N, C-alpha and C. Protein backbone atom coordinates (compact mmCIF):
# COMPACT_ATOMS: atom_id res chain seq x y z
N UNK A 1 -24.93 6.95 -10.50
CA UNK A 1 -24.01 6.37 -9.63
C UNK A 1 -22.90 7.50 -9.35
N UNK A 2 -22.44 7.66 -8.19
CA UNK A 2 -21.39 8.68 -7.96
C UNK A 2 -19.97 8.29 -8.48
N UNK A 3 -19.24 9.36 -8.86
CA UNK A 3 -17.91 9.28 -9.34
C UNK A 3 -16.87 9.02 -8.17
N UNK A 4 -17.44 9.29 -6.95
CA UNK A 4 -16.48 9.18 -5.83
C UNK A 4 -16.16 7.83 -5.48
N UNK A 5 -14.84 7.63 -5.03
CA UNK A 5 -14.37 6.31 -4.75
C UNK A 5 -14.67 6.02 -3.38
N UNK A 6 -15.30 4.99 -3.03
CA UNK A 6 -15.67 4.69 -1.58
C UNK A 6 -14.32 4.46 -0.93
N UNK A 7 -14.26 4.83 0.41
CA UNK A 7 -13.13 4.69 1.17
C UNK A 7 -12.69 3.24 1.28
N UNK A 8 -13.64 2.36 1.48
CA UNK A 8 -13.32 0.82 1.55
C UNK A 8 -12.63 0.43 0.23
N UNK A 9 -13.29 0.70 -0.85
CA UNK A 9 -12.67 0.24 -2.21
C UNK A 9 -11.26 0.88 -2.31
N UNK A 10 -11.04 1.99 -1.97
CA UNK A 10 -9.70 2.61 -1.90
C UNK A 10 -8.78 1.89 -1.11
N UNK A 11 -9.09 1.64 0.21
CA UNK A 11 -8.16 0.82 1.10
C UNK A 11 -7.93 -0.50 0.74
N UNK A 12 -8.94 -1.10 0.32
CA UNK A 12 -8.77 -2.53 -0.16
C UNK A 12 -7.78 -2.45 -1.35
N UNK A 13 -7.90 -1.63 -2.32
CA UNK A 13 -7.06 -1.54 -3.52
C UNK A 13 -5.52 -1.17 -3.05
N UNK A 14 -5.49 -0.32 -2.10
CA UNK A 14 -4.17 0.10 -1.55
C UNK A 14 -3.48 -1.16 -0.89
N UNK A 15 -4.18 -1.98 -0.15
CA UNK A 15 -3.78 -3.16 0.38
C UNK A 15 -3.42 -4.18 -0.47
N UNK A 16 -4.13 -4.47 -1.52
CA UNK A 16 -3.77 -5.41 -2.72
C UNK A 16 -2.41 -4.94 -3.21
N UNK A 17 -2.28 -3.58 -3.40
CA UNK A 17 -1.00 -3.12 -3.99
C UNK A 17 0.21 -3.36 -3.03
N UNK A 18 -0.07 -2.91 -1.82
CA UNK A 18 1.00 -3.14 -0.82
C UNK A 18 1.44 -4.44 -0.77
N UNK A 19 0.55 -5.56 -0.64
CA UNK A 19 0.81 -6.90 -0.38
C UNK A 19 1.39 -7.47 -1.71
N UNK A 20 0.94 -7.10 -2.82
CA UNK A 20 1.46 -7.55 -4.13
C UNK A 20 3.15 -7.06 -4.25
N UNK A 21 3.18 -5.88 -3.86
CA UNK A 21 4.68 -5.24 -4.07
C UNK A 21 5.51 -5.99 -3.06
N UNK A 22 4.92 -6.23 -1.87
CA UNK A 22 5.80 -6.84 -0.67
C UNK A 22 6.14 -8.38 -1.15
N UNK A 23 5.28 -8.85 -1.93
CA UNK A 23 5.43 -10.26 -2.56
C UNK A 23 6.40 -10.32 -3.70
N UNK A 24 6.71 -9.08 -4.22
CA UNK A 24 7.61 -8.97 -5.35
C UNK A 24 6.85 -9.36 -6.62
N UNK A 25 5.66 -9.18 -6.65
CA UNK A 25 4.81 -9.62 -7.81
C UNK A 25 4.40 -8.41 -8.62
N UNK A 26 4.43 -8.55 -9.89
CA UNK A 26 4.00 -7.41 -10.86
C UNK A 26 2.45 -7.38 -10.91
N UNK A 27 2.10 -6.31 -11.43
CA UNK A 27 0.52 -6.32 -11.60
C UNK A 27 0.23 -7.24 -12.70
N UNK A 28 1.09 -7.54 -13.83
CA UNK A 28 0.86 -8.52 -14.74
C UNK A 28 0.73 -9.84 -14.20
N UNK A 29 1.67 -10.36 -13.33
CA UNK A 29 1.76 -11.60 -12.78
C UNK A 29 0.44 -11.81 -11.97
N UNK A 30 0.06 -10.87 -11.19
CA UNK A 30 -1.17 -11.09 -10.37
C UNK A 30 -2.41 -11.17 -11.31
N UNK A 31 -2.38 -10.37 -12.34
CA UNK A 31 -3.57 -10.40 -13.30
C UNK A 31 -3.61 -11.68 -13.90
N UNK A 32 -2.56 -12.24 -14.46
CA UNK A 32 -2.41 -13.47 -15.20
C UNK A 32 -2.91 -14.60 -14.17
N UNK A 33 -2.48 -14.58 -13.08
CA UNK A 33 -2.92 -15.57 -11.91
C UNK A 33 -4.36 -15.66 -11.76
N UNK A 34 -5.02 -14.53 -11.81
CA UNK A 34 -6.35 -14.56 -11.37
C UNK A 34 -7.40 -14.46 -12.73
N UNK A 35 -6.61 -14.39 -13.86
CA UNK A 35 -7.36 -14.39 -15.19
C UNK A 35 -8.00 -13.03 -15.72
N UNK A 36 -7.40 -12.00 -15.35
CA UNK A 36 -7.77 -10.70 -15.75
C UNK A 36 -6.65 -9.89 -16.33
N UNK A 37 -6.88 -8.72 -16.87
CA UNK A 37 -5.81 -7.77 -17.34
C UNK A 37 -5.15 -7.07 -16.30
N UNK A 38 -3.90 -6.52 -16.60
CA UNK A 38 -3.23 -5.86 -15.64
C UNK A 38 -3.85 -4.59 -15.45
N UNK A 39 -4.60 -4.11 -16.39
CA UNK A 39 -5.30 -2.76 -16.34
C UNK A 39 -6.35 -2.86 -15.29
N UNK A 40 -6.97 -3.97 -15.23
CA UNK A 40 -8.06 -4.20 -14.15
C UNK A 40 -7.49 -4.16 -12.89
N UNK A 41 -6.36 -4.85 -12.66
CA UNK A 41 -5.55 -4.75 -11.41
C UNK A 41 -5.29 -3.36 -11.01
N UNK A 42 -4.74 -2.48 -12.00
CA UNK A 42 -4.64 -1.08 -11.79
C UNK A 42 -5.78 -0.42 -11.31
N UNK A 43 -7.03 -0.71 -11.88
CA UNK A 43 -8.28 -0.16 -11.43
C UNK A 43 -8.52 -0.55 -9.97
N UNK A 44 -8.38 -1.77 -9.71
CA UNK A 44 -8.63 -2.25 -8.20
C UNK A 44 -7.84 -1.53 -7.41
N UNK A 45 -6.39 -1.47 -7.72
CA UNK A 45 -5.46 -0.85 -6.76
C UNK A 45 -5.87 0.59 -6.53
N UNK A 46 -6.31 1.33 -7.43
CA UNK A 46 -6.69 2.74 -7.38
C UNK A 46 -8.00 2.96 -6.69
N UNK A 47 -8.82 1.86 -6.52
CA UNK A 47 -10.12 1.81 -5.99
C UNK A 47 -11.17 2.36 -6.97
N UNK A 48 -10.89 2.63 -8.15
CA UNK A 48 -11.84 3.00 -9.10
C UNK A 48 -12.73 1.90 -9.64
N UNK A 49 -12.34 0.65 -9.43
CA UNK A 49 -13.32 -0.51 -9.63
C UNK A 49 -13.18 -1.27 -8.41
N UNK A 50 -14.49 -1.69 -8.05
CA UNK A 50 -14.74 -2.52 -6.87
C UNK A 50 -14.36 -3.98 -7.21
N UNK A 51 -13.87 -4.76 -6.31
CA UNK A 51 -13.32 -6.05 -6.38
C UNK A 51 -14.55 -6.91 -5.84
N UNK A 52 -15.06 -7.88 -6.91
CA UNK A 52 -16.26 -8.81 -6.43
C UNK A 52 -15.58 -9.74 -5.33
N UNK A 53 -16.57 -10.41 -4.75
CA UNK A 53 -15.97 -11.28 -3.55
C UNK A 53 -15.24 -12.42 -4.15
N UNK A 54 -15.70 -12.99 -5.25
CA UNK A 54 -14.90 -14.13 -5.84
C UNK A 54 -13.50 -13.67 -6.40
N UNK A 55 -13.32 -12.53 -6.83
CA UNK A 55 -12.13 -12.04 -7.32
C UNK A 55 -11.28 -11.70 -6.08
N UNK A 56 -11.87 -11.13 -4.99
CA UNK A 56 -11.08 -10.86 -3.86
C UNK A 56 -10.52 -12.31 -3.29
N UNK A 57 -11.33 -13.27 -3.33
CA UNK A 57 -10.92 -14.64 -3.00
C UNK A 57 -9.76 -14.99 -3.72
N UNK A 58 -9.80 -14.84 -5.15
CA UNK A 58 -8.71 -15.29 -5.98
C UNK A 58 -7.39 -14.40 -5.77
N UNK A 59 -7.71 -13.18 -5.46
CA UNK A 59 -6.53 -12.25 -5.34
C UNK A 59 -5.74 -12.65 -3.98
N UNK A 60 -6.65 -12.77 -2.91
CA UNK A 60 -6.00 -13.17 -1.64
C UNK A 60 -5.28 -14.58 -1.71
N UNK A 61 -5.95 -15.56 -2.38
CA UNK A 61 -5.24 -16.87 -2.48
C UNK A 61 -4.00 -16.64 -3.29
N UNK A 62 -3.88 -15.84 -4.39
CA UNK A 62 -2.66 -15.76 -5.23
C UNK A 62 -1.64 -14.96 -4.29
N UNK A 63 -1.96 -14.01 -3.46
CA UNK A 63 -1.04 -13.36 -2.65
C UNK A 63 -0.80 -14.09 -1.32
N UNK A 64 -1.32 -15.13 -1.20
CA UNK A 64 -1.08 -16.00 -0.04
C UNK A 64 -1.37 -15.26 1.28
N UNK A 65 -2.63 -14.64 1.28
CA UNK A 65 -3.03 -13.90 2.61
C UNK A 65 -4.51 -14.27 2.85
N UNK A 66 -5.04 -14.07 4.10
CA UNK A 66 -6.36 -14.23 4.29
C UNK A 66 -6.94 -12.95 3.67
N UNK A 67 -8.33 -13.12 3.29
CA UNK A 67 -9.10 -12.04 2.70
C UNK A 67 -9.10 -10.86 3.72
N UNK A 68 -9.14 -11.09 4.90
CA UNK A 68 -9.26 -9.97 5.91
C UNK A 68 -8.13 -8.99 5.88
N UNK A 69 -6.87 -9.62 5.33
CA UNK A 69 -5.67 -8.75 5.12
C UNK A 69 -5.99 -7.68 4.10
N UNK A 70 -6.75 -7.87 3.24
CA UNK A 70 -7.19 -6.91 2.24
C UNK A 70 -7.90 -5.66 2.81
N UNK A 71 -8.58 -5.90 3.98
CA UNK A 71 -9.25 -4.97 4.69
C UNK A 71 -8.62 -4.24 5.84
N UNK A 72 -7.26 -4.45 6.01
CA UNK A 72 -6.50 -4.08 7.04
C UNK A 72 -6.59 -2.45 7.07
N UNK A 73 -6.59 -1.98 8.42
CA UNK A 73 -6.75 -0.62 8.59
C UNK A 73 -8.01 0.08 8.22
N UNK A 74 -9.12 -0.64 8.06
CA UNK A 74 -10.41 0.04 7.73
C UNK A 74 -11.22 0.12 9.10
N UNK A 75 -11.78 1.26 9.42
CA UNK A 75 -12.54 1.43 10.50
C UNK A 75 -13.91 1.85 10.25
N UNK A 76 -14.83 1.45 11.09
CA UNK A 76 -16.24 1.98 10.95
C UNK A 76 -16.39 3.30 11.68
N UNK A 77 -16.82 4.28 10.90
CA UNK A 77 -16.63 5.72 11.49
C UNK A 77 -17.83 5.91 12.61
N UNK A 78 -19.04 5.33 12.29
CA UNK A 78 -19.98 5.54 13.29
C UNK A 78 -21.06 4.35 13.21
N UNK A 79 -22.04 4.37 13.94
CA UNK A 79 -23.00 3.26 14.10
C UNK A 79 -24.01 3.12 12.82
N UNK A 80 -23.87 4.14 12.02
CA UNK A 80 -24.81 4.11 10.78
C UNK A 80 -24.23 3.30 9.69
N UNK A 81 -23.11 2.83 9.86
CA UNK A 81 -22.43 1.89 8.80
C UNK A 81 -21.53 2.75 7.90
N UNK A 82 -21.38 4.04 8.01
CA UNK A 82 -20.44 4.79 7.12
C UNK A 82 -19.11 4.26 7.58
N UNK A 83 -18.38 3.95 6.57
CA UNK A 83 -17.01 3.38 6.74
C UNK A 83 -15.99 4.26 6.20
N UNK A 84 -15.00 4.47 6.91
CA UNK A 84 -13.69 5.30 6.45
C UNK A 84 -12.45 4.66 6.88
N UNK A 85 -11.37 5.11 6.23
CA UNK A 85 -10.07 4.76 6.59
C UNK A 85 -9.59 5.71 7.61
N UNK A 86 -8.66 5.28 8.46
CA UNK A 86 -8.18 6.17 9.51
C UNK A 86 -7.40 7.35 8.88
N UNK A 87 -7.79 8.66 9.34
CA UNK A 87 -7.06 9.86 8.82
C UNK A 87 -5.51 9.75 8.83
N UNK A 88 -5.00 9.08 9.89
CA UNK A 88 -3.48 8.97 9.90
C UNK A 88 -2.98 7.78 9.41
N UNK A 89 -3.69 6.91 8.80
CA UNK A 89 -3.06 5.77 8.13
C UNK A 89 -2.32 6.17 6.93
N UNK A 90 -1.05 5.95 6.92
CA UNK A 90 -0.26 6.40 5.82
C UNK A 90 -0.36 5.47 4.58
N UNK A 91 -0.31 6.12 3.41
CA UNK A 91 -0.30 5.22 2.29
C UNK A 91 1.20 5.06 1.94
N UNK A 92 1.64 3.86 1.79
CA UNK A 92 3.11 3.53 1.56
C UNK A 92 3.25 3.53 0.04
N UNK A 93 4.21 4.41 -0.36
CA UNK A 93 4.56 4.37 -1.79
C UNK A 93 5.28 3.11 -2.09
N UNK A 94 5.10 2.76 -3.63
CA UNK A 94 5.75 1.57 -3.96
C UNK A 94 7.29 1.58 -3.72
N UNK A 95 8.00 2.72 -3.98
CA UNK A 95 9.29 2.87 -3.68
C UNK A 95 9.65 2.40 -2.21
N UNK A 96 8.91 2.98 -1.30
CA UNK A 96 9.22 2.61 0.12
C UNK A 96 9.05 1.13 0.25
N UNK A 97 8.06 0.50 -0.36
CA UNK A 97 7.91 -0.93 -0.08
C UNK A 97 9.14 -1.56 -0.78
N UNK A 98 9.42 -1.21 -1.90
CA UNK A 98 10.66 -1.87 -2.47
C UNK A 98 12.00 -1.66 -1.69
N UNK A 99 12.14 -0.58 -1.07
CA UNK A 99 13.30 -0.40 -0.26
C UNK A 99 13.16 -1.45 1.00
N UNK A 100 11.99 -1.48 1.65
CA UNK A 100 11.85 -2.47 2.71
C UNK A 100 12.13 -3.85 2.29
N UNK A 101 11.55 -4.27 1.16
CA UNK A 101 11.86 -5.66 0.54
C UNK A 101 13.32 -5.84 0.39
N UNK A 102 14.11 -4.93 -0.28
CA UNK A 102 15.53 -5.11 -0.43
C UNK A 102 16.13 -5.12 0.89
N UNK A 103 15.84 -4.34 1.87
CA UNK A 103 16.48 -4.37 3.12
C UNK A 103 16.31 -5.67 3.80
N UNK A 104 15.13 -6.20 3.65
CA UNK A 104 14.93 -7.47 4.27
C UNK A 104 15.80 -8.70 3.76
N UNK A 105 16.37 -8.48 2.51
CA UNK A 105 17.29 -9.40 1.99
C UNK A 105 18.70 -9.31 2.41
N UNK A 106 18.98 -8.17 3.26
CA UNK A 106 20.30 -8.01 3.58
C UNK A 106 20.39 -8.87 5.00
N UNK A 107 21.45 -9.61 5.04
CA UNK A 107 21.60 -10.54 6.28
C UNK A 107 22.26 -9.83 7.35
N UNK A 108 23.30 -9.06 7.04
CA UNK A 108 24.12 -8.39 8.03
C UNK A 108 23.49 -7.27 8.74
N UNK A 109 23.40 -7.53 10.11
CA UNK A 109 22.63 -6.52 10.90
C UNK A 109 23.43 -5.09 10.96
N UNK A 110 24.89 -5.30 10.93
CA UNK A 110 25.67 -3.99 10.82
C UNK A 110 25.38 -3.23 9.55
N UNK A 111 25.18 -3.82 8.55
CA UNK A 111 24.97 -3.12 7.22
C UNK A 111 23.62 -2.41 7.47
N UNK A 112 22.71 -3.15 7.89
CA UNK A 112 21.27 -2.57 8.01
C UNK A 112 21.19 -1.33 8.97
N UNK A 113 22.18 -1.44 10.06
CA UNK A 113 22.38 -0.28 10.98
C UNK A 113 22.92 0.88 10.32
N UNK A 114 23.88 0.70 9.33
CA UNK A 114 24.62 1.70 8.69
C UNK A 114 23.56 2.38 7.72
N UNK A 115 22.77 1.56 7.02
CA UNK A 115 21.70 2.19 6.13
C UNK A 115 20.64 2.97 6.88
N UNK A 116 20.37 2.40 8.04
CA UNK A 116 19.42 3.20 8.93
C UNK A 116 20.03 4.60 9.32
N UNK A 117 21.24 4.59 9.60
CA UNK A 117 21.91 5.85 10.00
C UNK A 117 22.01 6.83 8.86
N UNK A 118 22.23 6.35 7.70
CA UNK A 118 22.19 7.14 6.44
C UNK A 118 20.85 7.70 6.20
N UNK A 119 19.68 6.95 6.22
CA UNK A 119 18.37 7.41 6.23
C UNK A 119 18.07 8.43 7.14
N UNK A 120 18.42 8.14 8.47
CA UNK A 120 18.28 9.24 9.53
C UNK A 120 18.79 10.57 9.05
N UNK A 121 20.00 10.57 8.66
CA UNK A 121 20.77 11.77 8.34
C UNK A 121 20.08 12.49 7.19
N UNK A 122 19.67 11.83 6.14
CA UNK A 122 18.99 12.30 4.94
C UNK A 122 17.60 12.99 5.42
N UNK A 123 16.85 12.27 6.42
CA UNK A 123 15.64 12.68 6.75
C UNK A 123 15.75 13.97 7.52
N UNK A 124 16.66 13.99 8.43
CA UNK A 124 16.87 15.15 9.21
C UNK A 124 17.19 16.37 8.39
N UNK A 125 18.12 16.22 7.49
CA UNK A 125 18.50 17.26 6.45
C UNK A 125 17.09 17.73 5.72
N UNK A 126 16.34 16.92 5.27
CA UNK A 126 15.16 17.25 4.50
C UNK A 126 14.24 17.95 5.46
N UNK A 127 14.12 17.60 6.74
CA UNK A 127 13.21 18.34 7.76
C UNK A 127 13.71 19.65 8.01
N UNK A 128 15.15 19.70 8.04
CA UNK A 128 15.77 21.02 8.22
C UNK A 128 15.50 21.94 7.14
N UNK A 129 15.63 21.44 5.93
CA UNK A 129 15.48 22.24 4.63
C UNK A 129 14.05 22.73 4.61
N UNK A 130 13.13 21.86 4.97
CA UNK A 130 11.61 22.31 4.87
C UNK A 130 11.36 23.26 5.96
N UNK A 131 11.85 23.16 7.13
CA UNK A 131 11.62 24.10 8.13
C UNK A 131 12.23 25.48 7.81
N UNK A 132 13.45 25.45 7.10
CA UNK A 132 14.06 26.69 6.84
C UNK A 132 13.21 27.41 5.63
N UNK A 133 12.70 26.62 4.76
CA UNK A 133 11.93 27.15 3.58
C UNK A 133 10.60 27.60 4.20
N UNK A 134 9.95 27.08 5.05
CA UNK A 134 8.69 27.53 5.60
C UNK A 134 8.93 28.81 6.46
N UNK A 135 10.07 28.96 7.02
CA UNK A 135 10.30 30.00 7.76
C UNK A 135 10.55 31.38 6.91
N UNK A 136 11.04 31.12 5.57
CA UNK A 136 11.13 32.32 4.71
C UNK A 136 9.89 32.72 4.16
N UNK A 137 8.81 32.03 4.33
CA UNK A 137 7.46 32.35 3.68
C UNK A 137 6.78 33.37 4.52
């Protein structure tokens, strides 16, 4: 058996993680709900262990999504059946998801606009710093 992680297992695991975080659920809470350890959830989310069909059903039900949501952004590379994830599909970090989740709880549009302006300024400054650093190389 190969030590390589199959791209589908990786993407399904990433999607479980993304949806779990979006739901505000810990690995422990998800694991308890489906009757396994949080360490097993970690392995699923990293793609190092494959999720069985029955476990995928239980996870999807616990996360209140259709099973196909766990396969989001998976593409078939060619007619041979080789499957890969899109090269440009970004993996969203847990911190990014937590920021989105917290922002969604803010009701005032004006506050959200101010936060967005702050993020724009910080992102522009980082991009400028990166460009300056690469020009020195």
